[in-house]
Amino acid sequence: MYPPPCMAGGEVVLVDLVKRFADVTAVAGINLDMPPGEFFSLLGPSGCGKTTTLRLIAGFERPDEGQILLDGVDMVQTPPHKRQVNTVFQNYALFPHLSVAENVGFGLRYKDVSKQEAKEKIGEALELVRLSGLERRRPSQLSGGQQQRVALARALILNPAVLLLDEPLGALDAKLRKALQIELKALQEEVGITFIYVTHDQEEALTMSDRLAVMSAGRVEQVGTPSEVYEEPATVYVADFLGVSNLMDVRSEGADGTGRARIRLGDFELVAAKGETDFRGDMKATIRPERIRLEAQGSAGENRIPGMIDRVVYVGSTLQVMVHVPTGLTLQAWIHNEGGAVPYEQGAAVSVHLPAEALRIVMDTSAATSGGGSAVPA
């Protein structure tokens, strides 16, 4: 069994980290704490600063301000090859003229390791990534998934305290990518070191991460476990970026004494039990499509509004139902496919139930920044 490397180390702390390129601030004063042995993801769209942050940790870029602490030691002035950190890139960067074994053992050439010890380490690393028996093949003779495993083995053989991964699954097809997400998380748990993973793919981040940071414009919008960030988005940006969300402009009247907010969606009065329930004014309400319930027309009860089916999209395990409501919005509801005929037809009238415990009030930070926010504490 491959020995878990650096089990006691691998804590990464970023303190007020800033990186500018000319007049562009790529990383705008972020603070993050990644404990040893954690699978931590930086998630966001292109240009949000996630890859720059990874390159700063690796030492490929030097910050303009701030600290990069590895196990309590500031690494800002330390060159990349002297950091207990290794990187796996999206293109894998394998040497085409070397065999699999030679690629994996390349870094050992610069270590005080005998040929026999190097051979043993290469064998252990290949066994770890399930490539035993392929030692003599060249990268061109491997599938994309096998090449990715070679890159991982090459990085892990040097026993880094932290492994940095820059969208390593991005070049693979969808089915293989899903399979390797599970494998990569299992591998991280087996070796026990800190993984810092950069991705724009929400499913990757949710599937593999212990915690994740959602980034936008060089800043961290929210940090938490996958369930916390998905179920409890702190801002409109996080709600809109992570997964599918129904966002609605509402007017909040503040908390009603039970911790729930009374809000108005057009002419309809609703109750929201989650989020910024203490604030009054123009806000955003959000609800995930899987939490919306479609009921018979005229159903009575709290948080029901009339709707009309616009269309139904069949996506296999789920039916995606688009519903028009009187405010002019089109809401998306997801219904589990239980087989049989599609339960709704275009133009059918329904009652749309927005459960209070699933309806969340979130601050529109972009509106507040531009001077358009009017919410105040109740």
Protein backbone atom coordinates (compact mmCIF):
# COMPACT_ATOMS: atom_id res chain seq x y z
CA MET A 1 0.00 0.00 0.00
CA TYR A 2 1.27 3.45 -0.90
CA PRO A 3 2.11 5.31 2.33
CA PRO A 4 0.05 8.44 3.07
CA PRO A 5 2.47 11.39 2.63
CA CYS A 6 2.80 14.36 4.96
CA MET A 7 -0.23 13.41 7.02
CA ALA A 8 0.60 15.98 9.70
CA GLY A 9 1.01 18.90 7.27
CA GLY A 10 -0.67 20.48 4.33
CA GLU A 11 -2.52 23.44 5.84
CA VAL A 12 -2.81 26.34 3.40
CA VAL A 13 -3.87 29.80 4.61
CA LEU A 14 -4.23 32.79 2.28
CA VAL A 15 -4.17 36.18 3.99
CA ASP A 16 -5.32 39.34 2.17
CA LEU A 17 -3.94 37.95 -1.08
CA VAL A 18 -3.78 40.41 -4.00
CA LYS A 19 -2.49 39.94 -7.54
CA ARG A 20 -2.63 42.58 -10.27
CA PHE A 21 -1.81 42.36 -13.95
CA ALA A 22 -1.35 45.95 -15.20
CA ASP A 23 -4.67 47.67 -14.41
CA VAL A 24 -6.56 44.39 -13.83
CA THR A 25 -6.89 43.02 -10.29
CA ALA A 26 -7.10 39.25 -10.76
CA VAL A 27 -7.14 38.42 -7.04
CA ALA A 28 -8.64 41.11 -4.84
CA GLY A 29 -7.67 40.51 -1.22
CA ILE A 30 -8.96 37.00 -0.59
CA ASN A 31 -8.71 35.15 2.72
CA LEU A 32 -9.02 31.36 2.82
CA ASP A 33 -8.12 28.64 5.32
CA MET A 34 -7.69 25.10 3.96
CA PRO A 35 -6.95 22.56 6.73
CA PRO A 36 -4.66 19.54 6.24
CA GLY A 37 -6.21 16.63 4.36
CA GLU A 38 -9.12 18.61 2.94
CA PHE A 39 -10.41 18.45 -0.62
CA PHE A 40 -10.98 22.14 -1.28
CA SER A 41 -12.30 23.52 -4.58
CA LEU A 42 -12.09 26.98 -6.09
CA LEU A 43 -15.21 27.32 -8.22
CA GLY A 44 -16.15 30.09 -10.61
CA PRO A 45 -16.42 31.20 -14.23
CA SER A 46 -13.49 32.08 -16.49
CA GLY A 47 -11.73 35.23 -15.32
CA CYS A 48 -12.85 35.01 -11.68
CA GLY A 49 -9.29 34.57 -10.34
CA LYS A 50 -9.36 30.90 -9.39
CA THR A 51 -6.45 29.77 -11.60
CA THR A 52 -4.39 32.82 -10.63
CA THR A 53 -4.95 31.91 -6.97
CA LEU A 54 -3.73 28.37 -7.68
CA ARG A 55 -0.64 29.69 -9.49
CA LEU A 56 0.10 31.96 -6.52
CA ILE A 57 0.00 28.97 -4.17
CA ALA A 58 2.23 26.98 -6.53
CA GLY A 59 4.71 29.85 -6.79
CA PHE A 60 4.34 30.39 -10.54
CA GLU A 61 3.12 33.93 -9.79
CA ARG A 62 4.15 36.25 -6.98
CA PRO A 63 1.45 38.24 -5.14
CA ASP A 64 1.49 42.01 -4.95
CA GLU A 65 0.17 41.88 -1.40
CA GLY A 66 -0.68 39.31 1.25
CA GLN A 67 0.64 36.02 2.57
CA ILE A 68 0.59 32.38 1.47
CA LEU A 69 1.09 30.25 4.57
CA LEU A 70 1.95 26.56 4.22
CA ASP A 71 1.88 24.94 7.64
CA GLY A 72 2.33 28.38 9.18
CA VAL A 73 5.32 29.45 7.03
CA ASP A 74 4.94 32.30 4.52
CA MET A 75 5.95 30.94 1.11
CA VAL A 76 5.72 34.19 -0.90
CA GLN A 77 9.50 34.43 -1.31
CA THR A 78 10.01 30.68 -1.73
CA PRO A 79 10.55 29.43 -5.32
CA PRO A 80 8.15 26.76 -6.65
CA HIS A 81 10.61 23.86 -6.50
CA LYS A 82 11.23 24.45 -2.80
CA ARG A 83 7.56 24.36 -1.80
CA GLN A 84 5.99 21.11 -0.60
CA VAL A 85 3.45 21.54 -3.35
CA ASN A 86 2.92 19.83 -6.70
CA THR A 87 0.58 20.64 -9.60
CA VAL A 88 -1.48 18.62 -12.07
CA PHE A 89 -2.42 20.63 -15.15
CA GLN A 90 -5.33 20.27 -17.54
CA ASN A 91 -3.05 19.19 -20.41
CA TYR A 92 -1.13 16.79 -18.08
CA ALA A 93 2.25 17.95 -19.55
CA LEU A 94 3.53 14.39 -20.04
CA PHE A 95 6.78 13.80 -21.92
CA PRO A 96 5.78 12.04 -25.16
CA HIS A 97 9.19 10.40 -25.69
CA LEU A 98 9.27 8.82 -22.21
CA SER A 99 7.47 5.71 -21.03
CA VAL A 100 4.79 5.76 -18.35
CA ALA A 101 7.31 4.64 -15.73
CA GLU A 102 9.84 7.26 -16.85
CA ASN A 103 7.19 9.99 -16.72
CA VAL A 104 6.06 8.99 -13.25
CA GLY A 105 9.61 8.77 -11.92
CA PHE A 106 10.91 11.91 -13.61
CA GLY A 107 10.96 14.00 -10.45
CA LEU A 108 12.94 11.37 -8.57
CA ARG A 109 15.96 12.10 -10.79
CA TYR A 110 16.60 15.15 -8.65
CA LYS A 111 16.19 13.32 -5.34
CA ASP A 112 18.66 11.22 -3.40
CA VAL A 113 16.98 7.96 -4.38
CA SER A 114 18.62 4.72 -5.54
CA LYS A 115 17.49 3.02 -8.76
CA GLN A 116 15.90 0.19 -6.79
CA GLU A 117 14.07 2.56 -4.47
CA ALA A 118 12.91 4.62 -7.45
CA LYS A 119 11.60 1.48 -9.15
CA GLU A 120 9.66 0.54 -6.01
CA LYS A 121 8.19 4.02 -5.66
CA ILE A 122 7.13 4.06 -9.31
CA GLY A 123 5.45 0.68 -8.88
CA GLU A 124 3.60 1.86 -5.77
CA ALA A 125 2.47 5.07 -7.46
CA LEU A 126 1.18 3.21 -10.52
CA GLU A 127 -0.62 0.70 -8.32
CA LEU A 128 -2.24 3.59 -6.46
CA VAL A 129 -3.74 4.96 -9.70
CA ARG A 130 -4.46 1.46 -11.07
CA LEU A 131 -2.00 1.55 -13.97
CA SER A 132 0.17 -1.42 -13.00
CA GLY A 133 1.32 -3.27 -16.11
CA LEU A 134 1.44 -0.19 -18.33
CA GLU A 135 4.93 0.90 -17.30
CA ARG A 136 6.46 0.60 -20.79
CA ARG A 137 3.74 2.35 -22.76
CA ARG A 138 4.15 5.86 -24.15
CA PRO A 139 1.57 8.58 -23.42
CA SER A 140 0.27 8.36 -27.01
CA GLN A 141 -0.73 4.75 -26.34
CA LEU A 142 -2.95 5.72 -23.40
CA SER A 143 -6.52 6.97 -23.18
CA GLY A 144 -7.23 10.43 -21.79
CA GLY A 145 -8.22 8.96 -18.43
CA GLN A 146 -5.02 6.91 -18.26
CA GLN A 147 -2.91 9.97 -19.09
CA GLN A 148 -4.62 11.83 -16.28
CA ARG A 149 -3.71 9.02 -13.87
CA VAL A 150 -0.07 9.14 -15.01
CA ALA A 151 0.01 12.87 -14.25
CA LEU A 152 -1.46 12.22 -10.80
CA ALA A 153 1.07 9.45 -10.08
CA ARG A 154 3.94 11.72 -11.18
CA ALA A 155 2.74 14.42 -8.79
CA LEU A 156 2.06 12.11 -5.84
CA ILE A 157 5.34 10.20 -6.04
CA LEU A 158 7.17 13.22 -4.62
CA ASN A 159 5.01 13.14 -1.47
CA PRO A 160 3.80 16.75 -1.58
CA ALA A 161 2.00 18.25 1.40
CA VAL A 162 -0.47 19.85 -1.04
CA LEU A 163 -1.59 18.79 -4.49
CA LEU A 164 -2.91 21.54 -6.77
CA LEU A 165 -5.19 20.51 -9.63
CA ASP A 166 -6.00 22.96 -12.43
CA GLU A 167 -9.14 21.60 -14.15
CA PRO A 168 -7.49 18.18 -14.71
CA LEU A 169 -10.71 16.58 -16.01
CA GLY A 170 -11.59 19.37 -18.42
CA ALA A 171 -10.31 17.60 -21.56
CA LEU A 172 -12.20 14.36 -20.94
CA ASP A 173 -15.61 13.32 -22.25
CA ALA A 174 -18.61 13.68 -19.93
CA LYS A 175 -18.99 10.00 -18.99
CA LEU A 176 -15.30 9.52 -18.17
CA ARG A 177 -15.24 12.80 -16.27
CA LYS A 178 -18.07 11.64 -14.02
CA ALA A 179 -16.30 8.33 -13.32
CA LEU A 180 -13.01 10.03 -12.52
CA GLN A 181 -14.67 12.48 -10.14
CA ILE A 182 -15.46 9.56 -7.83
CA GLU A 183 -12.00 8.03 -8.34
CA LEU A 184 -10.21 11.30 -7.60
CA LYS A 185 -12.06 11.86 -4.33
CA ALA A 186 -11.38 8.24 -3.28
CA LEU A 187 -7.70 8.71 -4.14
CA GLN A 188 -7.49 11.89 -2.09
CA GLU A 189 -9.00 10.12 0.91
CA GLU A 190 -6.53 7.24 0.50
CA VAL A 191 -3.37 9.35 0.33
CA GLY A 192 -4.69 11.80 2.94
CA ILE A 193 -3.11 15.00 1.61
CA THR A 194 -4.63 18.40 0.90
CA PHE A 195 -6.11 18.74 -2.60
CA ILE A 196 -6.84 22.24 -3.92
CA TYR A 197 -8.92 21.88 -7.06
CA VAL A 198 -9.79 24.57 -9.61
CA THR A 199 -12.90 24.10 -11.74
CA HIS A 200 -15.73 25.96 -13.45
CA ASP A 201 -17.83 22.78 -13.36
CA GLN A 202 -20.39 22.93 -10.56
CA GLU A 203 -21.01 19.18 -10.54
CA GLU A 204 -17.30 18.48 -10.08
CA ALA A 205 -17.10 20.86 -7.13
CA LEU A 206 -20.25 19.50 -5.48
CA THR A 207 -19.28 15.85 -6.05
CA MET A 208 -15.71 15.91 -4.78
CA SER A 209 -15.23 18.80 -2.36
CA ASP A 210 -15.19 18.72 1.41
CA ARG A 211 -15.57 22.50 1.13
CA LEU A 212 -15.53 24.96 -1.73
CA ALA A 213 -15.13 28.67 -2.37
CA VAL A 214 -17.32 30.33 -5.00
CA MET A 215 -15.32 33.13 -6.65
CA SER A 216 -16.31 36.18 -8.68
CA ALA A 217 -14.18 39.04 -10.01
CA GLY A 218 -11.19 38.09 -7.87
CA ARG A 219 -13.18 37.82 -4.65
CA VAL A 220 -14.63 34.99 -2.61
CA GLU A 221 -18.44 35.20 -2.55
CA GLN A 222 -19.02 32.28 -0.17
CA VAL A 223 -17.17 29.38 1.47
CA GLY A 224 -18.83 26.24 2.80
CA THR A 225 -19.60 22.59 2.31
CA PRO A 226 -21.31 21.67 -0.96
CA SER A 227 -24.68 21.34 0.79
CA GLU A 228 -24.28 24.67 2.62
CA VAL A 229 -23.39 26.61 -0.51
CA TYR A 230 -26.09 24.95 -2.61
CA GLU A 231 -28.89 25.02 -0.07
CA GLU A 232 -27.99 28.31 1.61
CA PRO A 233 -26.52 30.69 -1.00
CA ALA A 234 -25.40 33.91 0.67
CA THR A 235 -25.79 36.17 -2.36
CA VAL A 236 -27.71 36.40 -5.61
CA TYR A 237 -24.50 35.60 -7.47
CA VAL A 238 -23.99 32.29 -5.64
CA ALA A 239 -27.65 31.32 -6.01
CA ASP A 240 -27.55 32.05 -9.74
CA PHE A 241 -24.14 30.51 -10.47
CA LEU A 242 -24.32 27.29 -8.48
CA GLY A 243 -26.93 24.95 -9.93
CA VAL A 244 -30.26 26.14 -11.29
CA SER A 245 -32.16 28.71 -9.29
CA ASN A 246 -35.45 30.57 -9.71
CA LEU A 247 -34.69 34.20 -8.87
CA MET A 248 -37.56 36.60 -8.22
CA ASP A 249 -37.74 40.32 -7.51
CA VAL A 250 -39.73 40.76 -4.31
CA ARG A 251 -40.60 43.40 -1.75
CA SER A 252 -39.84 42.29 1.80
CA GLU A 253 -41.83 43.54 4.77
CA GLY A 254 -39.36 42.02 7.26
CA ALA A 255 -39.74 39.28 9.83
CA ASP A 256 -43.20 38.48 11.17
CA GLY A 257 -42.19 37.57 14.72
CA THR A 258 -41.59 33.88 13.96
CA GLY A 259 -38.36 34.44 12.04
CA ARG A 260 -40.13 34.27 8.70
CA ALA A 261 -40.32 37.17 6.27
CA ARG A 262 -43.49 38.38 4.60
CA ILE A 263 -42.75 39.26 1.01
CA ARG A 264 -44.72 40.42 -2.00
CA LEU A 265 -44.26 38.89 -5.43
CA GLY A 266 -46.32 41.17 -7.61
CA ASP A 267 -49.84 41.06 -6.15
CA PHE A 268 -49.18 37.87 -4.18
CA GLU A 269 -48.17 37.70 -0.54
CA LEU A 270 -45.72 34.91 0.34
CA VAL A 271 -43.72 33.81 3.35
CA ALA A 272 -39.99 33.03 3.23
CA ALA A 273 -38.33 31.18 6.10
CA LYS A 274 -34.70 31.30 4.94
CA GLY A 275 -32.05 33.92 4.33
CA GLU A 276 -32.14 37.65 5.11
CA THR A 277 -35.58 37.61 6.70
CA ASP A 278 -34.91 40.66 8.92
CA PHE A 279 -34.52 43.09 6.04
CA ARG A 280 -37.18 45.31 4.51
CA GLY A 281 -37.23 46.65 0.97
CA ASP A 282 -36.49 45.43 -2.53
CA MET A 283 -34.80 42.04 -2.36
CA LYS A 284 -34.37 38.85 -4.32
CA ALA A 285 -36.06 35.57 -3.42
CA THR A 286 -34.73 32.27 -4.69
CA ILE A 287 -35.97 28.70 -4.74
CA ARG A 288 -34.40 25.62 -6.29
CA PRO A 289 -36.49 23.93 -9.02
CA GLU A 290 -36.57 20.60 -7.18
CA ARG A 291 -38.28 22.31 -4.21
CA ILE A 292 -41.22 23.70 -6.19
CA ARG A 293 -44.43 21.66 -6.04
CA LEU A 294 -47.03 21.65 -8.81
CA GLU A 295 -50.57 20.99 -7.60
CA ALA A 296 -54.09 20.99 -8.99
CA GLN A 297 -55.49 24.34 -10.05
CA GLY A 298 -57.04 26.23 -7.12
CA SER A 299 -55.21 24.34 -4.36
CA ALA A 300 -55.54 26.21 -1.09
CA GLY A 301 -52.80 26.97 1.40
CA GLU A 302 -49.85 29.20 2.10
CA ASN A 303 -47.48 30.22 -0.71
CA ARG A 304 -49.64 29.05 -3.61
CA ILE A 305 -49.85 31.09 -6.80
CA PRO A 306 -51.62 30.24 -10.06
CA GLY A 307 -49.57 29.12 -13.05
CA MET A 308 -49.80 27.77 -16.57
CA ILE A 309 -47.57 25.04 -18.04
CA ASP A 310 -45.42 26.50 -20.80
CA ARG A 311 -43.51 23.35 -21.73
CA VAL A 312 -42.14 20.09 -20.36
CA VAL A 313 -38.58 18.99 -21.11
CA TYR A 314 -37.78 15.29 -20.77
CA VAL A 315 -34.21 14.73 -19.55
CA GLY A 316 -34.40 11.09 -18.45
CA SER A 317 -34.49 10.88 -14.68
CA THR A 318 -36.12 14.30 -14.40
CA LEU A 319 -38.91 16.25 -16.05
CA GLN A 320 -38.14 19.96 -16.29
CA VAL A 321 -41.41 21.88 -16.26
CA MET A 322 -41.53 25.54 -17.25
CA VAL A 323 -44.45 27.37 -15.62
CA HIS A 324 -45.70 30.90 -16.35
CA VAL A 325 -47.04 32.81 -13.35
CA PRO A 326 -49.12 36.05 -13.41
CA THR A 327 -46.16 38.28 -12.53
CA GLY A 328 -44.65 37.54 -15.95
CA LEU A 329 -42.01 35.17 -14.61
CA THR A 330 -41.33 31.69 -15.94
CA LEU A 331 -40.38 29.35 -13.09
CA GLN A 332 -38.65 26.03 -13.55
CA ALA A 333 -39.81 23.00 -11.54
CA TRP A 334 -38.09 19.61 -11.56
CA ILE A 335 -40.19 16.50 -11.14
CA HIS A 336 -38.80 13.03 -10.61
CA ASN A 337 -39.55 10.75 -13.56
CA GLU A 338 -41.50 7.78 -12.25
CA GLY A 339 -42.30 6.38 -15.69
CA GLY A 340 -45.56 6.47 -17.57
CA ALA A 341 -47.04 9.41 -19.42
CA VAL A 342 -45.87 12.99 -18.90
CA PRO A 343 -48.22 14.34 -16.19
CA TYR A 344 -48.58 17.87 -17.60
CA GLU A 345 -49.59 19.27 -20.98
CA GLN A 346 -48.73 22.65 -22.45
CA GLY A 347 -51.32 25.25 -21.46
CA ALA A 348 -52.60 23.32 -18.44
CA ALA A 349 -53.53 25.44 -15.40
CA VAL A 350 -51.85 24.50 -12.11
CA SER A 351 -51.20 25.82 -8.64
CA VAL A 352 -47.51 26.53 -7.93
CA HIS A 353 -46.50 25.82 -4.34
CA LEU A 354 -43.36 27.62 -3.13
CA PRO A 355 -42.75 26.09 0.33
CA ALA A 356 -41.72 28.70 2.88
CA GLU A 357 -38.83 26.56 4.16
CA ALA A 358 -37.44 26.39 0.60
CA LEU A 359 -37.91 30.08 -0.22
CA ARG A 360 -34.80 32.11 0.57
CA ILE A 361 -34.27 35.88 0.72
CA VAL A 362 -30.86 36.90 -0.62
CA MET A 363 -29.11 40.23 -0.95
CA ASP A 364 -28.42 41.49 -4.46
CA THR A 365 -24.88 42.71 -3.81
CA SER A 366 -24.48 43.92 -7.39
CA ALA A 367 -27.49 46.23 -6.95
CA ALA A 368 -26.18 47.48 -3.62
CA THR A 369 -22.76 48.17 -5.13
CA SER A 370 -24.26 50.20 -7.95
CA GLY A 371 -26.45 52.20 -5.58
CA GLY A 372 -29.66 50.42 -6.51
CA GLY A 373 -30.13 48.46 -3.29
CA SER A 374 -32.80 49.73 -0.92
CA ALA A 375 -33.00 46.98 1.69
CA VAL A 376 -32.60 48.03 5.33
CA PRO A 377 -32.79 46.05 8.59
CA ALA A 378 -36.30 45.81 9.99
